[in-house]
Protein backbone atom coordinates (compact mmCIF):
# COMPACT_ATOMS: atom_id res chain seq x y z
CA UNK A 1 7.28 -1.39 8.62
CA UNK A 2 7.77 1.98 7.59
CA UNK A 3 9.20 2.63 3.85
CA UNK A 4 11.16 5.80 3.83
CA UNK A 5 11.51 7.25 -0.02
CA UNK A 6 14.09 9.70 -1.23
CA UNK A 7 14.72 12.36 -3.67
CA UNK A 8 11.87 12.56 -6.51
CA UNK A 9 10.72 8.92 -4.93
CA UNK A 10 8.86 11.16 -1.95
CA UNK A 11 5.99 11.63 -4.33
CA UNK A 12 5.41 7.88 -4.53
CA UNK A 13 4.51 7.86 -0.77
CA UNK A 14 0.74 8.56 -1.92
CA UNK A 15 0.76 5.07 -3.45
CA UNK A 16 1.61 3.70 0.04
CA UNK A 17 -0.89 5.59 2.18
CA UNK A 18 -4.06 3.90 1.07
CA UNK A 19 -2.43 0.56 0.80
CA UNK A 20 -3.48 -2.23 3.03
CA UNK A 21 -1.51 -2.94 6.22
CA UNK A 22 -0.73 -5.74 8.60
CA UNK A 23 -0.29 -6.12 12.58
CA UNK A 24 0.69 -8.18 14.95
CA UNK A 25 -0.79 -6.86 18.44
CA UNK A 26 -0.44 -7.51 21.62
CA UNK A 27 -3.84 -6.80 23.68
CA UNK A 28 -4.30 -7.04 27.55
CA UNK A 29 -7.82 -8.07 28.80
CA UNK A 30 -8.93 -6.69 31.93
CA UNK A 31 -10.49 -9.67 33.47
CA UNK A 32 -10.45 -13.67 32.98
CA UNK A 33 -12.35 -14.96 30.20
CA UNK A 34 -12.33 -18.07 28.28
CA UNK A 35 -10.31 -18.67 25.14
CA UNK A 36 -13.28 -19.71 22.82
CA UNK A 37 -14.91 -16.53 23.79
CA UNK A 38 -11.91 -14.52 22.95
CA UNK A 39 -11.18 -16.23 19.61
CA UNK A 40 -15.02 -15.90 19.02
CA UNK A 41 -15.04 -11.99 19.64
CA UNK A 42 -12.14 -11.09 17.41
CA UNK A 43 -13.20 -13.30 14.32
CA UNK A 44 -16.13 -11.17 14.66
CA UNK A 45 -14.31 -8.22 13.51
CA UNK A 46 -13.38 -9.65 10.05
CA UNK A 47 -15.18 -7.98 7.07
CA UNK A 48 -16.69 -4.66 7.23
CA UNK A 49 -16.96 -2.73 10.35
CA UNK A 50 -17.48 0.41 11.74
CA UNK A 51 -14.91 2.24 14.18
CA UNK A 52 -14.87 5.66 15.97
CA UNK A 53 -11.38 7.14 15.72
CA UNK A 54 -9.65 7.34 19.28
CA UNK A 55 -9.76 10.74 20.78
CA UNK A 56 -5.82 11.10 19.97
CA UNK A 57 -5.94 10.25 16.27
CA UNK A 58 -5.09 12.36 13.22
CA UNK A 59 -8.38 12.00 11.58
CA UNK A 60 -11.66 13.45 12.38
CA UNK A 61 -13.78 11.64 14.98
CA UNK A 62 -16.94 10.23 13.33
CA UNK A 63 -18.07 6.83 12.62
CA UNK A 64 -16.46 5.41 9.32
CA UNK A 65 -16.47 1.96 7.83
CA UNK A 66 -13.40 0.04 7.62
CA UNK A 67 -12.72 -3.75 5.88
CA UNK A 68 -10.41 -6.35 7.90
CA UNK A 69 -9.28 -8.49 5.73
CA UNK A 70 -8.22 -11.46 8.34
CA UNK A 71 -7.56 -11.82 12.05
CA UNK A 72 -5.69 -14.64 13.38
CA UNK A 73 -5.08 -15.20 16.98
CA UNK A 74 -1.50 -16.40 17.50
CA UNK A 75 -1.22 -17.05 21.12
CA UNK A 76 -3.55 -16.45 24.26
CA UNK A 77 -1.54 -16.82 27.33
CA UNK A 78 -4.29 -15.89 30.22
CA UNK A 79 -5.20 -12.10 30.02
CA UNK A 80 -2.76 -11.70 26.92
CA UNK A 81 -3.67 -12.18 23.61
CA UNK A 82 -1.48 -11.70 20.61
CA UNK A 83 -3.02 -11.57 17.08
CA UNK A 84 -2.28 -10.88 13.65
CA UNK A 85 -4.61 -8.58 11.59
CA UNK A 86 -4.81 -7.29 7.84
CA UNK A 87 -6.79 -4.18 7.48
CA UNK A 88 -7.67 -1.21 5.35
CA UNK A 89 -5.41 1.67 5.64
CA UNK A 90 -6.60 3.89 7.98
CA UNK A 91 -8.11 1.19 10.58
CA UNK A 92 -7.12 1.71 14.34
CA UNK A 93 -6.03 -1.40 15.91
CA UNK A 94 -6.25 0.08 19.35
CA UNK A 95 -10.01 0.73 18.36
CA UNK A 96 -10.29 -2.86 17.71
CA UNK A 97 -9.15 -3.55 21.15
CA UNK A 98 -11.41 -1.63 23.14
CA UNK A 99 -14.17 -2.61 21.17
CA UNK A 100 -13.21 -6.03 21.61
CA UNK A 101 -13.05 -5.58 25.25
CA UNK A 102 -16.70 -4.06 25.24
CA UNK A 103 -17.98 -7.22 23.53
CA UNK A 104 -16.24 -9.58 25.99
CA UNK A 105 -18.04 -7.53 28.75
CA UNK A 106 -14.47 -7.15 30.45
CA UNK A 107 -12.56 -4.34 28.89
CA UNK A 108 -9.29 -4.46 27.00
CA UNK A 109 -6.59 -2.58 25.73
CA UNK A 110 -3.80 -2.41 23.27
CA UNK A 111 -0.21 -3.21 24.85
CA UNK A 112 1.80 -2.99 21.74
CA UNK A 113 1.74 -2.97 18.00
CA UNK A 114 3.98 -3.71 15.50
CA UNK A 115 3.03 -3.15 11.72
CA UNK A 116 4.59 -5.96 9.48
CA UNK A 117 3.00 -4.93 6.35
CA UNK A 118 2.57 -1.77 4.18
CA UNK A 119 1.18 -2.25 0.69
CA UNK A 120 4.07 -4.73 -1.28
CA UNK A 121 6.65 -3.82 1.87
CA UNK A 122 6.49 -6.34 4.68
CA UNK A 123 8.99 -7.56 7.76
CA UNK A 124 11.12 -9.67 5.25
CA UNK A 125 12.17 -6.06 3.88
CA UNK A 126 13.21 -4.47 7.19
CA UNK A 127 16.48 -2.35 7.29
CA UNK A 128 17.82 -0.74 10.32
CA UNK A 129 19.32 2.63 9.88
CA UNK A 130 22.74 1.12 11.14
CA UNK A 131 22.45 -1.46 8.02
CA UNK A 132 21.69 0.90 5.97
CA UNK A 133 24.80 3.08 7.00
CA UNK A 134 27.00 0.13 6.97
CA UNK A 135 25.71 -0.20 3.01
CA UNK A 136 26.71 3.27 2.41
CA UNK A 137 30.20 3.20 4.06
CA UNK A 138 31.17 0.18 1.90
CA UNK A 139 29.93 2.15 -1.11
CA UNK A 140 32.25 4.97 -0.27
CA UNK A 141 35.18 3.39 0.83
CA UNK A 142 35.14 0.19 -1.71
CA UNK A 143 32.93 1.03 -4.71
CA UNK A 144 30.98 -1.92 -3.47
CA UNK A 145 26.98 -0.99 -3.95
CA UNK A 146 25.90 -4.64 -3.43
CA UNK A 147 24.18 -3.91 -0.12
CA UNK A 148 23.45 -0.39 -1.12
CA UNK A 149 21.25 -1.71 -3.96
CA UNK A 150 19.67 -4.43 -1.89
CA UNK A 151 18.28 -2.04 0.96
CA UNK A 152 17.60 1.25 -1.54
CA UNK A 153 15.01 -0.13 -4.11
CA UNK A 154 13.79 1.20 -7.20
CA UNK A 155 10.58 3.07 -6.20
CA UNK A 156 8.76 1.04 -8.88
CA UNK A 157 8.18 -1.61 -5.88
CA UNK A 158 5.87 0.85 -4.47
CA UNK A 159 3.41 0.25 -7.16
CA UNK A 160 3.67 -3.76 -6.93
CA UNK A 161 0.09 -3.92 -5.22
CA UNK A 162 -1.52 -1.74 -7.86
CA UNK A 163 -2.99 -3.06 -11.30
CA UNK A 164 -0.96 -1.44 -13.82
CA UNK A 165 -1.09 -0.36 -17.89
CA UNK A 166 2.10 -0.64 -19.94
CA UNK A 167 2.07 1.89 -22.66
CA UNK A 168 4.18 2.19 -25.90
CA UNK A 169 7.30 4.56 -26.00
CA UNK A 170 5.66 6.62 -28.26
CA UNK A 171 3.09 7.39 -25.67
CA UNK A 172 5.41 8.15 -22.74
CA UNK A 173 6.58 11.88 -23.68
CA UNK A 174 2.81 13.15 -24.06
CA UNK A 175 1.95 11.52 -20.80
CA UNK A 176 4.49 13.21 -18.92
CA UNK A 177 3.77 16.51 -20.60
CA UNK A 178 -0.23 16.21 -19.13
CA UNK A 179 -1.88 13.87 -22.02
CA UNK A 180 -4.29 11.16 -20.81
CA UNK A 181 -3.64 7.86 -21.53
CA UNK A 182 -5.63 6.46 -24.92
CA UNK A 183 -6.73 3.06 -25.60
CA UNK A 184 -4.31 3.48 -28.79
CA UNK A 185 -1.25 3.70 -26.50
CA UNK A 186 -1.34 0.83 -24.50
CA UNK A 187 0.31 -2.34 -25.08
CA UNK A 188 -1.07 -4.27 -22.18
CA UNK A 189 -2.94 -4.14 -18.71
CA UNK A 190 -4.07 -5.75 -16.05
CA UNK A 191 -7.87 -6.18 -14.92
CA UNK A 192 -9.12 -2.77 -13.93
CA UNK A 193 -12.44 -1.30 -12.97
CA UNK A 194 -13.47 2.27 -13.83
CA UNK A 195 -12.04 4.81 -11.28
CA UNK A 196 -9.57 2.09 -9.94
CA UNK A 197 -6.35 3.42 -9.13
CA UNK A 198 -3.53 2.30 -11.88
CA UNK A 199 -0.16 2.56 -12.25
CA UNK A 200 1.06 3.55 -15.79
CA UNK A 201 4.41 1.94 -16.83
CA UNK A 202 6.65 1.64 -19.75
CA UNK A 203 7.38 -1.41 -21.61
CA UNK A 204 10.62 -1.57 -19.82
CA UNK A 205 8.77 -1.65 -16.39
CA UNK A 206 9.38 1.76 -15.63
CA UNK A 207 6.81 3.83 -13.17
CA UNK A 208 5.63 6.84 -15.11
CA UNK A 209 2.99 8.06 -12.84
CA UNK A 210 -0.45 7.06 -11.58
CA UNK A 211 -4.09 7.81 -12.56
CA UNK A 212 -7.71 6.51 -12.13
CA UNK A 213 -9.20 3.99 -14.93
CA UNK A 214 -11.91 5.81 -17.19
CA UNK A 215 -12.62 2.20 -18.75
CA UNK A 216 -13.12 -1.40 -17.39
CA UNK A 217 -10.91 -4.17 -18.84
CA UNK A 218 -13.50 -5.20 -21.55
CA UNK A 219 -13.73 -1.81 -22.89
CA UNK A 220 -10.05 -1.14 -23.05
CA UNK A 221 -9.57 -4.44 -24.98
CA UNK A 222 -12.21 -3.94 -27.41
CA UNK A 223 -12.60 -0.12 -28.30
CA UNK A 224 -10.27 1.08 -30.93
CA UNK A 225 -10.11 5.02 -29.02
CA UNK A 226 -10.90 6.64 -26.13
CA UNK A 227 -9.41 7.82 -22.83
CA UNK A 228 -8.41 4.77 -20.73
CA UNK A 229 -6.64 6.18 -17.80
CA UNK A 230 -6.69 9.69 -16.35
CA UNK A 231 -3.37 10.51 -14.97
CA UNK A 232 -3.38 12.37 -11.78
CA UNK A 233 0.35 12.04 -10.67
CA UNK A 234 3.32 11.85 -12.84
CA UNK A 235 6.73 11.04 -11.71
CA UNK A 236 9.07 10.50 -14.64
CA UNK A 237 10.70 13.49 -16.12
CA UNK A 238 9.32 14.37 -19.97
CA UNK A 239 12.80 14.21 -21.09
CA UNK A 240 13.45 10.44 -20.49
CA UNK A 241 11.44 9.53 -23.62
CA UNK A 242 11.79 12.13 -26.07
CA UNK A 243 9.27 13.22 -28.29
CA UNK A 244 8.45 11.03 -31.31
CA UNK A 245 8.01 12.98 -34.37
CA UNK A 246 5.07 11.65 -36.51
CA UNK A 247 5.66 10.14 -39.69
CA UNK A 248 4.70 11.66 -43.01
């Protein structure tokens, strides 16, 4: 699963970098060991773990904590182990395999890895480049955009996994112009905590931008004024919702 963004939606990629991931991994054990022991060791990784990134990696090699949400063994055939794992972004599954081999005392390595989920996108959303090319051809030749609309989804989908606040139409222009999101401009909201990443939405469900919550849910609900969200990325053009003049 590799979400690809187009045009203005490329800026939404940051929503997926920190989103949780799911993988199906094929691990190869270096010696024989009981199936019961393999399951026991792999299950011990669920929760908060400490990892050292591999030598060849995109980050600095230093110990860091990562959360493993679940790890389900799908099949064990001799030294071949197939498991599914859901984890925090930045978790190295190959390191889990190496560390599991150390715990087992026999060694192990990752043979193959497939990412089946990235944030709200799953393997059910998979589209091949050939599928996309065919959809584009149908649109160019016959004007049929059915498949194109199916394969190229609105970038609001990239924010499905985030808590949201919906703002009144009258607040959209000022937010797009750099203003913070005030309590008075919010129509409704999900449960949020201070500093939590939040998607800022219009009442029509359009994604305005992202920000950090400055209040928790109870404060937003009961306070009459104050900053509720501090935007740090605005995607919508300020002219989509014209500035509304104040009534005299």
